[in-house]
Amino acid sequence: MAADDVETQAEKAQPVTRSIHPVFYIASWIFFSNITILFNKWLLAPDRFSYPTILTCWHLIFATIATQILARTTTLLDGRKSVKMTGRLYLRAIVPIGFLFSGSLVCSNMVYLYLSVAFIQMLKAAAPVAVLLTAWVWGVEQPSQSRLINVLFIVFGVGLASFGEIAFSLTGFLFQLGGIVFEAMRLIMIQVLLKGDGQKMDPLVSLYYFAPVCASMNFVVALFTEFRSFNIADLYNTGLWCLLLNAVVAFMLNISSVCLIGRTSGLVMTLTGILKNILLVVASVMIWQTSITPLQFLGYAIALAGLVYYSLGRDQIVEIATQLWTFLRGVWENSPAYSSVSSSSSDEGNGQQQGGGLPSAVRRALLMGLGVMVVVILAAGYIYSGADPSGGGGAVGVPRPLGGGGGGDASSVKPVQVAS
């Protein structure tokens, strides 16, 4: 047998390597992102471990240890080798950005003591507004009339959602606002101080450098605040394994983010983030029986519509709608129902089905349909939350406060215990 034939057969005998489908990474990121938020909300209840700064510090200590281990045993942190880290860069960029990162994390956890998860996600829809305004202030982007109108549209939607909140807490609102502002400043400073010098970091490499700084800053803050009232009994009542699992879940969120960024596009990440937020609102309604008023889900729908337009732009939205229409038309034309209709219809009707591009009226209808779908999802959550789970005969769709009476804050909510 010739040598070429032997090599050919050897190549054919090699198993075909299969890569993991991007849907797996999307689902993993949605799962770990939402489970981290829901886990933190449950853990920071008054009868468990109501120390958000200490909890954030613990997350960062765990992240510091985990990233050091991964850097020495895996290739997940090989991106750090392309970062030219010097003492000057560390003090000029890592420390101030780490300070903002620490403030963002603390505020994001503090807000769970005062607001419901659903309302927190509605407020987070305003995050791109803060980033854009900060970019204008820093001179990274130039103001434009279209962007300003888009920003006002999102702010209007978030404002409606805030006015419709039953258990509104000004303290929680300010903490969430502070977290959004800290995060916006952090993102712009990364763009100015790191990317301007050609330093690119994925989320895991960023955590490798920022976690030690943030852990130190959070420890100092906790030392003068929460450690004064810290009760060691709360630690044992919560359980060391529970806190360890919470830190592992939070760290897995960063790993899933790295995998998602490396295997999907920016468009997919934007749409995935919007879907994640909607699912989180629905999960909050189902777990904590959070009430969503009509004004709230109307405001949230408006804010989401503005957020989609801000993230994608008109041309990309039209392109997505066209592709969706083409896909649905192909499914319809391949269905048995279409065959029966086309066989009894005239040639004129068939010609209209095969005609040109997507009509503008259909494009508008598809975009409106997406908005209606969001409203229907939130309305379903509103109706679900209005039903009396105890069978007390309460009217369906009547909103009620989150707390036990008098419209207390969301921290008084207890999770529903489901019998196994």
Protein backbone atom coordinates (compact mmCIF):
# COMPACT_ATOMS: atom_id res chain seq x y z
CA MET A 1 0.00 0.00 0.00
CA ALA A 2 1.34 3.44 -0.87
CA ALA A 3 2.39 5.84 1.88
CA ASP A 4 -0.12 8.45 0.68
CA ASP A 5 -2.98 5.96 1.09
CA VAL A 6 -1.86 5.12 4.64
CA GLU A 7 -1.81 8.81 5.59
CA THR A 8 -5.24 9.33 4.02
CA GLN A 9 -6.75 6.44 5.98
CA ALA A 10 -5.10 7.68 9.20
CA GLU A 11 -6.65 11.11 8.69
CA LYS A 12 -10.08 9.58 8.11
CA ALA A 13 -9.73 7.47 11.27
CA GLN A 14 -9.22 10.52 13.49
CA PRO A 15 -12.37 11.48 15.45
CA VAL A 16 -14.09 14.71 14.49
CA THR A 17 -13.84 17.34 17.24
CA ARG A 18 -17.12 19.00 18.08
CA SER A 19 -17.29 22.45 19.61
CA ILE A 20 -19.89 23.47 22.17
CA HIS A 21 -22.84 25.33 20.68
CA PRO A 22 -22.99 29.07 21.57
CA VAL A 23 -26.48 28.53 23.02
CA PHE A 24 -24.83 26.67 25.91
CA TYR A 25 -22.71 29.72 26.78
CA ILE A 26 -25.72 32.04 26.48
CA ALA A 27 -27.81 29.82 28.76
CA SER A 28 -24.93 29.49 31.25
CA TRP A 29 -24.46 33.25 31.47
CA ILE A 30 -28.19 33.87 31.93
CA PHE A 31 -28.36 31.15 34.58
CA PHE A 32 -25.37 32.27 36.66
CA SER A 33 -26.23 35.96 36.32
CA ASN A 34 -29.81 35.51 37.50
CA ILE A 35 -29.03 32.90 40.15
CA THR A 36 -26.35 35.19 41.62
CA ILE A 37 -28.84 38.05 41.98
CA LEU A 38 -31.59 35.85 43.39
CA PHE A 39 -29.15 34.11 45.76
CA ASN A 40 -27.84 37.45 47.06
CA LYS A 41 -31.38 38.75 47.58
CA TRP A 42 -32.32 35.63 49.54
CA LEU A 43 -29.09 35.62 51.56
CA LEU A 44 -29.25 39.31 52.56
CA ALA A 45 -32.66 38.94 54.22
CA PRO A 46 -32.84 40.38 57.80
CA ASP A 47 -33.17 36.92 59.36
CA ARG A 48 -30.12 35.50 57.54
CA PHE A 49 -26.97 37.49 56.69
CA SER A 50 -27.84 41.18 56.34
CA TYR A 51 -24.25 42.40 55.90
CA PRO A 52 -23.91 43.40 52.23
CA THR A 53 -20.46 44.99 52.56
CA ILE A 54 -19.03 41.96 54.36
CA LEU A 55 -20.64 39.66 51.77
CA THR A 56 -19.11 41.69 48.92
CA CYS A 57 -15.72 41.58 50.66
CA TRP A 58 -16.01 37.79 50.98
CA HIS A 59 -16.84 37.47 47.27
CA LEU A 60 -13.74 39.48 46.36
CA ILE A 61 -11.46 37.54 48.71
CA PHE A 62 -12.70 34.30 47.14
CA ALA A 63 -12.23 35.78 43.65
CA THR A 64 -8.65 36.82 44.53
CA ILE A 65 -7.75 33.29 45.65
CA ALA A 66 -9.58 31.63 42.75
CA THR A 67 -7.98 33.79 40.04
CA GLN A 68 -4.52 33.18 41.48
CA ILE A 69 -5.13 29.42 41.36
CA LEU A 70 -6.58 29.54 37.82
CA ALA A 71 -3.66 31.67 36.61
CA ARG A 72 -1.25 28.93 37.71
CA THR A 73 -3.22 25.85 36.66
CA THR A 74 -5.28 26.78 33.58
CA THR A 75 -5.17 28.91 30.42
CA LEU A 76 -8.25 30.97 31.30
CA LEU A 77 -6.08 33.87 32.48
CA ASP A 78 -3.47 33.80 29.73
CA GLY A 79 -4.86 37.14 28.58
CA ARG A 80 -3.02 38.78 31.47
CA LYS A 81 0.27 38.14 29.67
CA SER A 82 -0.68 40.74 27.05
CA VAL A 83 -1.22 43.37 29.79
CA LYS A 84 1.93 45.39 30.41
CA MET A 85 1.37 45.99 34.11
CA THR A 86 3.75 48.42 35.81
CA GLY A 87 3.73 50.07 39.21
CA ARG A 88 2.76 53.39 37.65
CA LEU A 89 -0.12 51.85 35.69
CA TYR A 90 -1.31 49.99 38.78
CA LEU A 91 -1.49 53.17 40.87
CA ARG A 92 -2.78 55.39 38.06
CA ALA A 93 -5.45 53.03 36.69
CA ILE A 94 -6.06 49.84 38.69
CA VAL A 95 -6.44 51.53 42.10
CA PRO A 96 -8.93 54.28 41.09
CA ILE A 97 -10.90 51.91 38.86
CA GLY A 98 -10.88 49.36 41.68
CA PHE A 99 -12.29 52.02 44.01
CA LEU A 100 -15.19 52.63 41.62
CA PHE A 101 -15.67 48.89 41.12
CA SER A 102 -15.84 48.44 44.89
CA GLY A 103 -18.42 51.21 45.22
CA SER A 104 -20.52 49.68 42.45
CA LEU A 105 -20.51 46.23 44.06
CA VAL A 106 -21.33 47.50 47.55
CA CYS A 107 -24.20 49.68 46.35
CA SER A 108 -25.54 46.84 44.19
CA ASN A 109 -25.71 44.57 47.24
CA MET A 110 -26.96 47.23 49.66
CA VAL A 111 -30.01 47.86 47.51
CA TYR A 112 -31.29 44.30 48.15
CA LEU A 113 -32.10 45.37 51.71
CA TYR A 114 -34.59 47.97 50.48
CA LEU A 115 -36.02 47.14 47.03
CA SER A 116 -37.45 44.14 45.22
CA VAL A 117 -35.44 42.36 42.54
CA ALA A 118 -38.03 43.27 39.90
CA PHE A 119 -37.83 47.00 40.66
CA ILE A 120 -34.02 46.87 40.80
CA GLN A 121 -33.93 45.45 37.27
CA MET A 122 -36.28 48.18 36.08
CA LEU A 123 -33.94 50.82 37.49
CA LYS A 124 -30.93 49.12 35.88
CA ALA A 125 -32.47 49.85 32.48
CA ALA A 126 -31.18 53.41 33.02
CA ALA A 127 -27.55 52.22 33.20
CA PRO A 128 -26.78 53.04 29.53
CA VAL A 129 -28.06 56.56 30.19
CA ALA A 130 -25.49 57.04 32.95
CA VAL A 131 -22.72 55.62 30.76
CA LEU A 132 -23.62 57.94 27.87
CA LEU A 133 -23.82 61.05 30.07
CA THR A 134 -20.48 60.17 31.70
CA ALA A 135 -18.94 59.70 28.25
CA TRP A 136 -20.16 63.15 27.26
CA VAL A 137 -18.68 64.68 30.41
CA TRP A 138 -15.31 62.99 29.86
CA GLY A 139 -15.34 63.95 26.19
CA VAL A 140 -15.18 60.33 25.03
CA GLU A 141 -18.28 60.83 22.86
CA GLN A 142 -19.84 63.91 21.32
CA PRO A 143 -23.45 64.77 22.28
CA SER A 144 -26.07 64.32 19.58
CA GLN A 145 -29.75 65.20 19.41
CA SER A 146 -30.85 61.67 18.49
CA ARG A 147 -28.96 60.14 21.41
CA LEU A 148 -30.38 62.76 23.77
CA ILE A 149 -33.95 61.97 22.69
CA ASN A 150 -33.25 58.25 23.13
CA VAL A 151 -31.86 58.90 26.63
CA LEU A 152 -34.92 60.95 27.62
CA PHE A 153 -37.15 58.14 26.34
CA ILE A 154 -35.41 55.61 28.61
CA VAL A 155 -35.48 58.00 31.58
CA PHE A 156 -39.21 58.56 31.02
CA GLY A 157 -39.84 54.80 31.13
CA VAL A 158 -37.76 54.29 34.27
CA GLY A 159 -39.52 57.26 35.87
CA LEU A 160 -42.92 55.70 35.18
CA ALA A 161 -41.75 52.42 36.69
CA SER A 162 -40.51 54.27 39.80
CA PHE A 163 -43.79 56.15 40.25
CA GLY A 164 -45.68 52.88 39.93
CA GLU A 165 -43.62 51.10 42.61
CA ILE A 166 -45.75 50.32 45.68
CA ALA A 167 -42.93 49.60 48.14
CA PHE A 168 -40.72 52.52 47.06
CA SER A 169 -37.73 53.23 49.29
CA LEU A 170 -35.76 56.43 48.76
CA THR A 171 -32.71 54.90 50.46
CA GLY A 172 -32.77 51.89 48.16
CA PHE A 173 -33.33 54.12 45.13
CA LEU A 174 -30.29 56.22 46.03
CA PHE A 175 -28.14 53.13 46.57
CA GLN A 176 -29.14 51.81 43.14
CA LEU A 177 -28.49 55.21 41.59
CA GLY A 178 -25.07 55.27 43.25
CA GLY A 179 -24.28 51.80 41.92
CA ILE A 180 -25.23 52.84 38.38
CA VAL A 181 -23.11 56.00 38.58
CA PHE A 182 -20.09 54.13 40.02
CA GLU A 183 -20.36 51.50 37.27
CA ALA A 184 -20.68 54.14 34.53
CA MET A 185 -17.58 55.96 35.77
CA ARG A 186 -15.70 52.66 36.00
CA LEU A 187 -16.49 51.74 32.41
CA ILE A 188 -15.45 55.15 31.08
CA MET A 189 -12.23 55.15 33.13
CA ILE A 190 -11.37 51.71 31.73
CA GLN A 191 -11.89 53.13 28.25
CA VAL A 192 -9.77 56.20 28.98
CA LEU A 193 -6.99 54.82 31.20
CA LEU A 194 -6.57 51.23 29.99
CA LYS A 195 -7.86 50.92 26.44
CA GLY A 196 -6.21 54.23 25.58
CA ASP A 197 -2.86 52.62 26.39
CA GLY A 198 -3.70 49.48 24.43
CA GLN A 199 -4.42 47.42 27.56
CA LYS A 200 -7.33 45.05 26.91
CA MET A 201 -8.75 42.84 29.67
CA ASP A 202 -11.54 40.31 29.62
CA PRO A 203 -13.76 40.08 32.75
CA LEU A 204 -11.65 37.35 34.35
CA VAL A 205 -8.34 39.16 33.83
CA SER A 206 -9.95 42.34 35.17
CA LEU A 207 -11.02 40.42 38.26
CA TYR A 208 -7.46 39.11 38.60
CA TYR A 209 -6.15 42.66 38.97
CA PHE A 210 -9.10 44.43 40.60
CA ALA A 211 -10.25 41.84 43.17
CA PRO A 212 -7.34 42.36 45.64
CA VAL A 213 -7.80 46.15 45.51
CA CYS A 214 -11.58 45.94 45.94
CA ALA A 215 -11.32 43.37 48.74
CA SER A 216 -8.95 45.66 50.67
CA MET A 217 -11.21 48.70 50.20
CA ASN A 218 -14.35 46.79 51.17
CA PHE A 219 -12.65 45.41 54.27
CA VAL A 220 -11.77 48.93 55.42
CA VAL A 221 -15.35 50.11 54.84
CA ALA A 222 -16.81 47.07 56.63
CA LEU A 223 -14.38 47.54 59.51
CA PHE A 224 -15.89 50.92 60.37
CA THR A 225 -19.51 50.05 59.54
CA GLU A 226 -20.87 46.51 59.58
CA PHE A 227 -18.20 44.81 61.70
CA ARG A 228 -19.30 46.96 64.65
CA SER A 229 -22.71 45.29 64.68
CA PHE A 230 -21.61 41.93 63.29
CA ASN A 231 -22.86 38.94 65.25
CA ILE A 232 -20.91 35.72 64.84
CA ALA A 233 -24.17 33.81 65.42
CA ASP A 234 -25.45 35.11 62.06
CA LEU A 235 -22.46 33.49 60.38
CA TYR A 236 -23.22 30.07 61.87
CA ASN A 237 -26.97 30.43 61.36
CA THR A 238 -26.41 31.16 57.67
CA GLY A 239 -23.90 28.35 57.32
CA LEU A 240 -20.32 28.41 56.08
CA TRP A 241 -21.18 26.10 53.19
CA CYS A 242 -23.97 28.45 52.11
CA LEU A 243 -21.57 31.41 51.99
CA LEU A 244 -19.02 29.30 50.11
CA LEU A 245 -21.63 28.26 47.55
CA ASN A 246 -22.70 31.90 47.16
CA ALA A 247 -19.10 32.93 46.40
CA VAL A 248 -18.65 30.06 43.93
CA VAL A 249 -21.83 31.02 42.04
CA ALA A 250 -20.72 34.66 41.87
CA PHE A 251 -17.30 33.62 40.56
CA MET A 252 -18.83 31.28 37.96
CA LEU A 253 -20.67 34.32 36.61
CA ASN A 254 -17.31 35.85 35.66
CA ILE A 255 -16.14 32.64 33.97
CA SER A 256 -19.38 32.38 31.98
CA SER A 257 -18.96 36.02 30.93
CA VAL A 258 -15.51 35.29 29.52
CA CYS A 259 -16.83 32.27 27.58
CA LEU A 260 -19.79 34.26 26.25
CA ILE A 261 -17.64 37.18 25.07
CA GLY A 262 -15.24 34.85 23.28
CA ARG A 263 -17.88 32.93 21.34
CA THR A 264 -20.67 35.40 20.52
CA SER A 265 -21.05 38.84 18.99
CA GLY A 266 -21.90 42.14 20.65
CA LEU A 267 -25.41 41.97 19.16
CA VAL A 268 -26.06 38.57 20.76
CA MET A 269 -24.79 39.82 24.12
CA THR A 270 -27.07 42.87 23.96
CA LEU A 271 -30.17 40.82 23.16
CA THR A 272 -29.18 38.19 25.74
CA GLY A 273 -28.86 40.87 28.42
CA ILE A 274 -32.34 42.19 27.69
CA LEU A 275 -33.80 38.67 27.79
CA LYS A 276 -31.97 38.00 31.06
CA ASN A 277 -33.49 41.09 32.69
CA ILE A 278 -37.01 40.14 31.61
CA LEU A 279 -36.59 36.60 32.94
CA LEU A 280 -35.26 37.98 36.22
CA VAL A 281 -38.31 40.21 36.66
CA VAL A 282 -40.60 37.23 36.04
CA ALA A 283 -38.59 35.07 38.48
CA SER A 284 -38.82 37.76 41.15
CA VAL A 285 -42.60 37.91 40.75
CA MET A 286 -42.94 34.15 41.02
CA ILE A 287 -40.57 33.63 43.99
CA TRP A 288 -41.33 36.64 46.19
CA GLN A 289 -44.86 37.41 44.96
CA THR A 290 -43.68 40.89 44.01
CA SER A 291 -46.52 43.14 42.89
CA ILE A 292 -46.10 44.92 39.56
CA THR A 293 -48.57 47.71 38.92
CA PRO A 294 -49.82 48.56 35.41
CA LEU A 295 -47.87 51.82 35.52
CA GLN A 296 -44.70 49.89 36.35
CA PHE A 297 -44.81 47.39 33.52
CA LEU A 298 -45.81 50.15 31.10
CA GLY A 299 -42.79 52.18 32.19
CA TYR A 300 -40.52 49.13 32.01
CA ALA A 301 -41.77 48.30 28.51
CA ILE A 302 -41.02 51.87 27.39
CA ALA A 303 -37.56 51.75 28.97
CA LEU A 304 -36.80 48.39 27.32
CA ALA A 305 -37.93 49.69 23.94
CA GLY A 306 -35.64 52.69 24.34
CA LEU A 307 -32.82 50.42 25.50
CA VAL A 308 -33.18 48.16 22.44
CA TYR A 309 -33.14 51.16 20.11
CA TYR A 310 -30.13 52.64 21.96
CA SER A 311 -28.17 49.37 21.82
CA LEU A 312 -28.99 48.27 18.27
CA GLY A 313 -30.05 51.32 16.27
CA ARG A 314 -32.79 51.58 13.66
CA ASP A 315 -30.92 49.85 10.82
CA GLN A 316 -30.06 46.78 12.87
CA ILE A 317 -33.59 46.52 14.27
CA VAL A 318 -35.00 46.61 10.73
CA GLU A 319 -32.47 43.99 9.63
CA ILE A 320 -33.43 41.69 12.51
CA ALA A 321 -37.12 42.19 11.75
CA THR A 322 -36.50 41.37 8.08
CA GLN A 323 -34.63 38.18 8.94
CA LEU A 324 -37.37 37.20 11.38
CA TRP A 325 -40.03 37.80 8.73
CA THR A 326 -38.08 35.73 6.20
CA PHE A 327 -37.73 32.89 8.69
CA LEU A 328 -41.42 32.91 9.64
CA ARG A 329 -42.45 33.09 5.98
CA GLY A 330 -40.23 30.08 5.21
CA VAL A 331 -41.78 28.11 8.07
CA TRP A 332 -45.26 29.03 6.85
CA GLU A 333 -44.55 28.13 3.23
CA ASN A 334 -43.18 24.73 4.28
CA SER A 335 -46.17 23.93 6.47
CA PRO A 336 -49.08 21.68 5.34
CA ALA A 337 -51.52 24.52 6.02
CA TYR A 338 -49.81 26.70 3.40
CA SER A 339 -49.92 23.87 0.84
CA SER A 340 -53.67 23.48 1.25
CA VAL A 341 -54.23 27.23 1.04
CA SER A 342 -51.96 27.71 -1.99
CA SER A 343 -53.60 24.84 -3.89
CA SER A 344 -57.01 26.51 -3.60
CA SER A 345 -55.81 30.08 -4.10
CA SER A 346 -55.26 31.91 -7.36
CA ASP A 347 -51.94 32.58 -9.00
CA GLU A 348 -52.32 36.21 -8.04
CA GLY A 349 -52.27 35.30 -4.39
CA ASN A 350 -49.17 33.20 -4.89
CA GLY A 351 -47.48 36.09 -6.66
CA GLN A 352 -48.13 38.35 -3.71
CA GLN A 353 -46.58 35.81 -1.33
CA GLN A 354 -43.42 35.70 -3.46
CA GLY A 355 -43.19 39.43 -4.04
CA GLY A 356 -40.28 41.73 -3.21
CA GLY A 357 -38.92 42.87 0.10
CA LEU A 358 -40.51 43.28 3.48
CA PRO A 359 -43.19 46.01 3.42
CA SER A 360 -42.66 48.93 5.79
CA ALA A 361 -46.04 48.30 7.42
CA VAL A 362 -45.00 44.74 8.25
CA ARG A 363 -41.73 45.97 9.69
CA ARG A 364 -43.54 48.35 11.98
CA ALA A 365 -45.97 45.61 12.95
CA LEU A 366 -43.11 43.28 13.88
CA LEU A 367 -41.43 45.91 16.03
CA MET A 368 -44.72 46.67 17.73
CA GLY A 369 -45.22 42.94 18.23
CA LEU A 370 -41.93 42.70 20.10
CA GLY A 371 -43.05 45.50 22.40
CA VAL A 372 -46.43 43.87 22.93
CA MET A 373 -44.68 40.60 23.83
CA VAL A 374 -42.72 42.35 26.58
CA VAL A 375 -45.89 43.96 27.92
CA VAL A 376 -47.74 40.62 27.90
CA ILE A 377 -44.94 38.95 29.87
CA LEU A 378 -44.97 41.69 32.49
CA ALA A 379 -48.77 41.72 32.58
CA ALA A 380 -48.78 37.99 33.24
CA GLY A 381 -46.44 38.58 36.17
CA TYR A 382 -48.71 41.34 37.44
CA ILE A 383 -51.81 39.12 37.31
CA TYR A 384 -49.91 36.27 38.94
CA SER A 385 -48.73 38.48 41.79
CA GLY A 386 -52.22 39.83 42.37
CA ALA A 387 -53.71 36.40 43.08
CA ASP A 388 -53.96 35.47 46.74
CA PRO A 389 -51.73 32.39 47.16
CA SER A 390 -53.36 31.46 50.46
CA GLY A 391 -56.76 31.12 48.86
CA GLY A 392 -58.14 34.04 50.81
CA GLY A 393 -60.33 35.13 47.95
CA GLY A 394 -58.35 38.22 47.03
CA ALA A 395 -59.20 39.79 43.70
CA VAL A 396 -56.94 38.83 40.85
CA GLY A 397 -54.87 41.70 39.54
CA VAL A 398 -55.15 43.86 42.67
CA PRO A 399 -51.62 44.98 43.63
CA ARG A 400 -50.53 44.67 47.21
CA PRO A 401 -47.48 45.93 49.15
CA LEU A 402 -44.38 43.80 49.35
CA GLY A 403 -44.18 43.96 53.12
CA GLY A 404 -46.54 42.70 55.79
CA GLY A 405 -48.37 46.01 56.11
CA GLY A 406 -48.08 49.72 55.61
CA GLY A 407 -46.00 49.37 52.42
CA GLY A 408 -42.69 48.42 54.04
CA ASP A 409 -39.53 47.90 52.02
CA ALA A 410 -38.66 44.76 50.11
CA SER A 411 -36.39 43.42 52.83
CA SER A 412 -39.41 42.26 54.78
CA VAL A 413 -40.43 39.84 52.04
CA LYS A 414 -40.04 36.15 52.84
CA PRO A 415 -39.54 33.58 50.08
CA VAL A 416 -42.40 31.22 49.41
CA GLN A 417 -41.73 27.80 50.94
CA VAL A 418 -42.79 25.06 48.54
CA ALA A 419 -43.52 21.70 50.07
CA SER A 420 -41.55 18.86 48.54
